[in-house]
């Protein structure tokens, strides 16, 4: 039986403002695993490898997921 690691989630500095009530949170403390969650739904955790995280962040930086508001 496997156990769920104890993730230590953090949010971006902009999300630490008390006026912001919902932010994505990331945990990098478990070797080889990046965990993501929504601060409004902390029990739902998505995990990925470090390589998958690098691919995702590269795509975000390149504008592949830009949303038109």
N, C-alpha and C. Protein backbone atom coordinates (compact mmCIF):
# COMPACT_ATOMS: atom_id res chain seq x y z
N UNK A 1 0.85 -1.19 0.00
CA UNK A 1 0.00 0.00 0.00
C UNK A 1 0.89 1.24 0.00
N UNK A 2 0.67 2.13 -0.95
CA UNK A 2 1.48 3.34 -1.02
C UNK A 2 0.84 4.45 -0.21
N UNK A 3 1.67 5.34 0.25
CA UNK A 3 1.16 6.49 1.01
C UNK A 3 1.36 7.75 0.20
N UNK A 4 0.50 8.72 0.42
CA UNK A 4 0.60 10.00 -0.27
C UNK A 4 1.67 10.83 0.44
N UNK A 5 2.63 11.36 -0.32
CA UNK A 5 3.66 12.17 0.32
C UNK A 5 3.09 13.45 0.91
N UNK A 6 3.78 13.98 1.88
CA UNK A 6 3.36 15.24 2.52
C UNK A 6 3.90 16.40 1.69
N UNK A 7 3.04 16.96 0.87
CA UNK A 7 3.45 18.08 0.03
C UNK A 7 3.43 19.37 0.83
N UNK A 8 4.39 20.22 0.55
CA UNK A 8 4.46 21.55 1.17
C UNK A 8 4.15 22.57 0.07
N UNK A 9 2.90 23.00 0.03
CA UNK A 9 2.44 23.88 -1.04
C UNK A 9 2.78 25.34 -0.76
N UNK A 10 3.08 26.04 -1.84
CA UNK A 10 3.35 27.49 -1.78
C UNK A 10 2.62 28.13 -2.95
N UNK A 11 2.33 29.41 -2.81
CA UNK A 11 1.71 30.15 -3.90
C UNK A 11 2.63 31.30 -4.30
N UNK A 12 2.35 31.88 -5.45
CA UNK A 12 3.14 33.01 -5.94
C UNK A 12 2.99 34.20 -5.00
N UNK A 13 3.95 35.06 -4.99
CA UNK A 13 3.92 36.24 -4.11
C UNK A 13 2.65 37.07 -4.31
N UNK A 14 2.19 37.21 -5.54
CA UNK A 14 0.98 38.00 -5.81
C UNK A 14 -0.24 37.39 -5.14
N UNK A 15 -0.23 36.10 -4.90
CA UNK A 15 -1.37 35.42 -4.29
C UNK A 15 -1.35 35.50 -2.77
N UNK A 16 -0.30 35.97 -2.20
CA UNK A 16 -0.21 36.04 -0.74
C UNK A 16 -0.91 37.27 -0.18
N UNK A 17 -1.43 38.12 -1.04
CA UNK A 17 -2.19 39.29 -0.63
C UNK A 17 -3.55 38.83 -0.11
N UNK A 18 -3.97 39.33 1.02
CA UNK A 18 -5.23 38.92 1.64
C UNK A 18 -6.44 39.19 0.74
N UNK A 19 -6.31 40.13 -0.21
CA UNK A 19 -7.42 40.45 -1.11
C UNK A 19 -7.61 39.40 -2.21
N UNK A 20 -6.60 38.57 -2.40
CA UNK A 20 -6.67 37.50 -3.41
C UNK A 20 -7.11 36.24 -2.68
N UNK A 21 -8.23 35.66 -3.09
CA UNK A 21 -8.74 34.53 -2.33
C UNK A 21 -8.64 33.19 -3.04
N UNK A 22 -8.06 33.14 -4.21
CA UNK A 22 -7.96 31.87 -4.93
C UNK A 22 -6.72 31.89 -5.80
N UNK A 23 -5.84 30.94 -5.58
CA UNK A 23 -4.60 30.88 -6.35
C UNK A 23 -4.16 29.44 -6.56
N UNK A 24 -3.44 29.19 -7.64
CA UNK A 24 -2.82 27.89 -7.78
C UNK A 24 -1.67 27.79 -6.77
N UNK A 25 -1.44 26.59 -6.29
CA UNK A 25 -0.35 26.35 -5.35
C UNK A 25 0.50 25.20 -5.88
N UNK A 26 1.80 25.28 -5.65
CA UNK A 26 2.76 24.31 -6.17
C UNK A 26 3.60 23.77 -5.01
N UNK A 27 3.87 22.48 -5.05
CA UNK A 27 4.77 21.85 -4.08
C UNK A 27 5.93 21.22 -4.84
N UNK A 28 7.14 21.54 -4.41
CA UNK A 28 8.35 21.02 -5.05
C UNK A 28 9.23 20.24 -4.07
N UNK A 29 8.70 19.90 -2.90
CA UNK A 29 9.51 19.31 -1.85
C UNK A 29 9.69 17.80 -1.95
N UNK A 30 8.96 17.12 -2.82
CA UNK A 30 9.11 15.67 -2.98
C UNK A 30 9.98 15.43 -4.22
N UNK A 31 11.14 14.82 -4.05
CA UNK A 31 12.06 14.63 -5.18
C UNK A 31 11.38 13.95 -6.38
N UNK A 32 11.56 14.56 -7.55
CA UNK A 32 11.04 14.01 -8.79
C UNK A 32 9.58 14.26 -9.06
N UNK A 33 8.89 14.95 -8.13
CA UNK A 33 7.45 15.18 -8.27
C UNK A 33 7.13 16.67 -8.11
N UNK A 34 6.27 17.17 -8.98
CA UNK A 34 5.72 18.51 -8.82
C UNK A 34 4.22 18.31 -8.59
N UNK A 35 3.70 18.92 -7.53
CA UNK A 35 2.28 18.79 -7.21
C UNK A 35 1.61 20.15 -7.35
N UNK A 36 0.41 20.14 -7.90
CA UNK A 36 -0.37 21.37 -8.08
C UNK A 36 -1.73 21.20 -7.42
N UNK A 37 -2.27 22.31 -6.93
CA UNK A 37 -3.64 22.31 -6.42
C UNK A 37 -4.20 23.71 -6.50
N UNK A 38 -5.50 23.81 -6.40
CA UNK A 38 -6.21 25.08 -6.36
C UNK A 38 -6.48 25.37 -4.89
N UNK A 39 -6.20 26.57 -4.44
CA UNK A 39 -6.38 26.90 -3.03
C UNK A 39 -7.83 26.75 -2.57
N UNK A 40 -8.79 26.84 -3.50
CA UNK A 40 -10.19 26.65 -3.14
C UNK A 40 -10.59 25.18 -3.06
N UNK A 41 -9.75 24.29 -3.64
CA UNK A 41 -10.00 22.85 -3.61
C UNK A 41 -8.72 22.11 -3.20
N UNK A 42 -8.26 22.32 -1.98
CA UNK A 42 -6.96 21.79 -1.57
C UNK A 42 -6.88 20.26 -1.52
N UNK A 43 -8.01 19.57 -1.52
CA UNK A 43 -7.97 18.11 -1.48
C UNK A 43 -7.76 17.48 -2.85
N UNK A 44 -7.85 18.28 -3.91
CA UNK A 44 -7.62 17.78 -5.27
C UNK A 44 -6.21 18.16 -5.68
N UNK A 45 -5.36 17.17 -5.81
CA UNK A 45 -3.95 17.40 -6.12
C UNK A 45 -3.60 16.70 -7.43
N UNK A 46 -2.93 17.43 -8.30
CA UNK A 46 -2.45 16.88 -9.57
C UNK A 46 -0.93 16.80 -9.46
N UNK A 47 -0.37 15.65 -9.83
CA UNK A 47 1.09 15.51 -9.78
C UNK A 47 1.62 15.26 -11.18
N UNK A 48 2.88 15.62 -11.36
CA UNK A 48 3.57 15.39 -12.63
C UNK A 48 5.05 15.24 -12.35
N UNK A 49 5.76 14.76 -13.36
CA UNK A 49 7.21 14.65 -13.22
C UNK A 49 7.85 16.03 -13.40
N UNK A 50 9.10 16.11 -13.03
CA UNK A 50 9.83 17.37 -13.22
C UNK A 50 9.92 17.71 -14.72
N UNK A 51 10.10 16.71 -15.55
CA UNK A 51 10.14 16.94 -17.00
C UNK A 51 8.82 17.46 -17.55
N UNK A 52 7.71 16.90 -17.07
CA UNK A 52 6.39 17.39 -17.49
C UNK A 52 6.18 18.82 -17.02
N UNK A 53 6.63 19.14 -15.82
CA UNK A 53 6.53 20.51 -15.29
C UNK A 53 7.31 21.47 -16.18
N UNK A 54 8.52 21.07 -16.57
CA UNK A 54 9.35 21.92 -17.44
C UNK A 54 8.65 22.16 -18.78
N UNK A 55 8.05 21.12 -19.35
CA UNK A 55 7.32 21.27 -20.60
C UNK A 55 6.14 22.23 -20.44
N UNK A 56 5.39 22.07 -19.35
CA UNK A 56 4.24 22.94 -19.09
C UNK A 56 4.68 24.39 -18.90
N UNK A 57 5.67 24.63 -18.06
CA UNK A 57 6.08 26.02 -17.81
C UNK A 57 6.69 26.66 -19.06
N UNK A 58 7.40 25.89 -19.88
CA UNK A 58 7.92 26.42 -21.14
C UNK A 58 6.77 26.84 -22.05
N UNK A 59 5.72 26.02 -22.11
CA UNK A 59 4.57 26.34 -22.96
C UNK A 59 3.84 27.58 -22.45
N UNK A 60 3.70 27.70 -21.14
CA UNK A 60 3.05 28.89 -20.56
C UNK A 60 3.87 30.13 -20.89
N UNK A 61 5.18 30.05 -20.70
CA UNK A 61 6.05 31.20 -20.99
C UNK A 61 6.00 31.58 -22.47
N UNK A 62 5.80 30.60 -23.34
CA UNK A 62 5.75 30.85 -24.78
C UNK A 62 4.38 31.38 -25.23
N UNK A 63 3.43 31.44 -24.30
CA UNK A 63 2.11 31.98 -24.64
C UNK A 63 1.13 30.96 -25.19
N UNK A 64 1.46 29.69 -25.12
CA UNK A 64 0.58 28.67 -25.69
C UNK A 64 -0.77 28.57 -24.98
N UNK A 65 -0.85 29.04 -23.75
CA UNK A 65 -2.09 28.93 -22.99
C UNK A 65 -2.67 30.30 -22.63
N UNK A 66 -2.27 31.32 -23.37
CA UNK A 66 -2.81 32.66 -23.09
C UNK A 66 -4.32 32.67 -23.28
N UNK A 67 -4.98 33.35 -22.40
CA UNK A 67 -6.44 33.47 -22.45
C UNK A 67 -6.79 34.90 -22.83
N UNK A 68 -7.69 35.02 -23.78
CA UNK A 68 -8.16 36.33 -24.17
C UNK A 68 -9.32 36.73 -23.27
N UNK A 69 -9.16 37.85 -22.57
CA UNK A 69 -10.20 38.28 -21.64
C UNK A 69 -10.95 39.45 -22.21
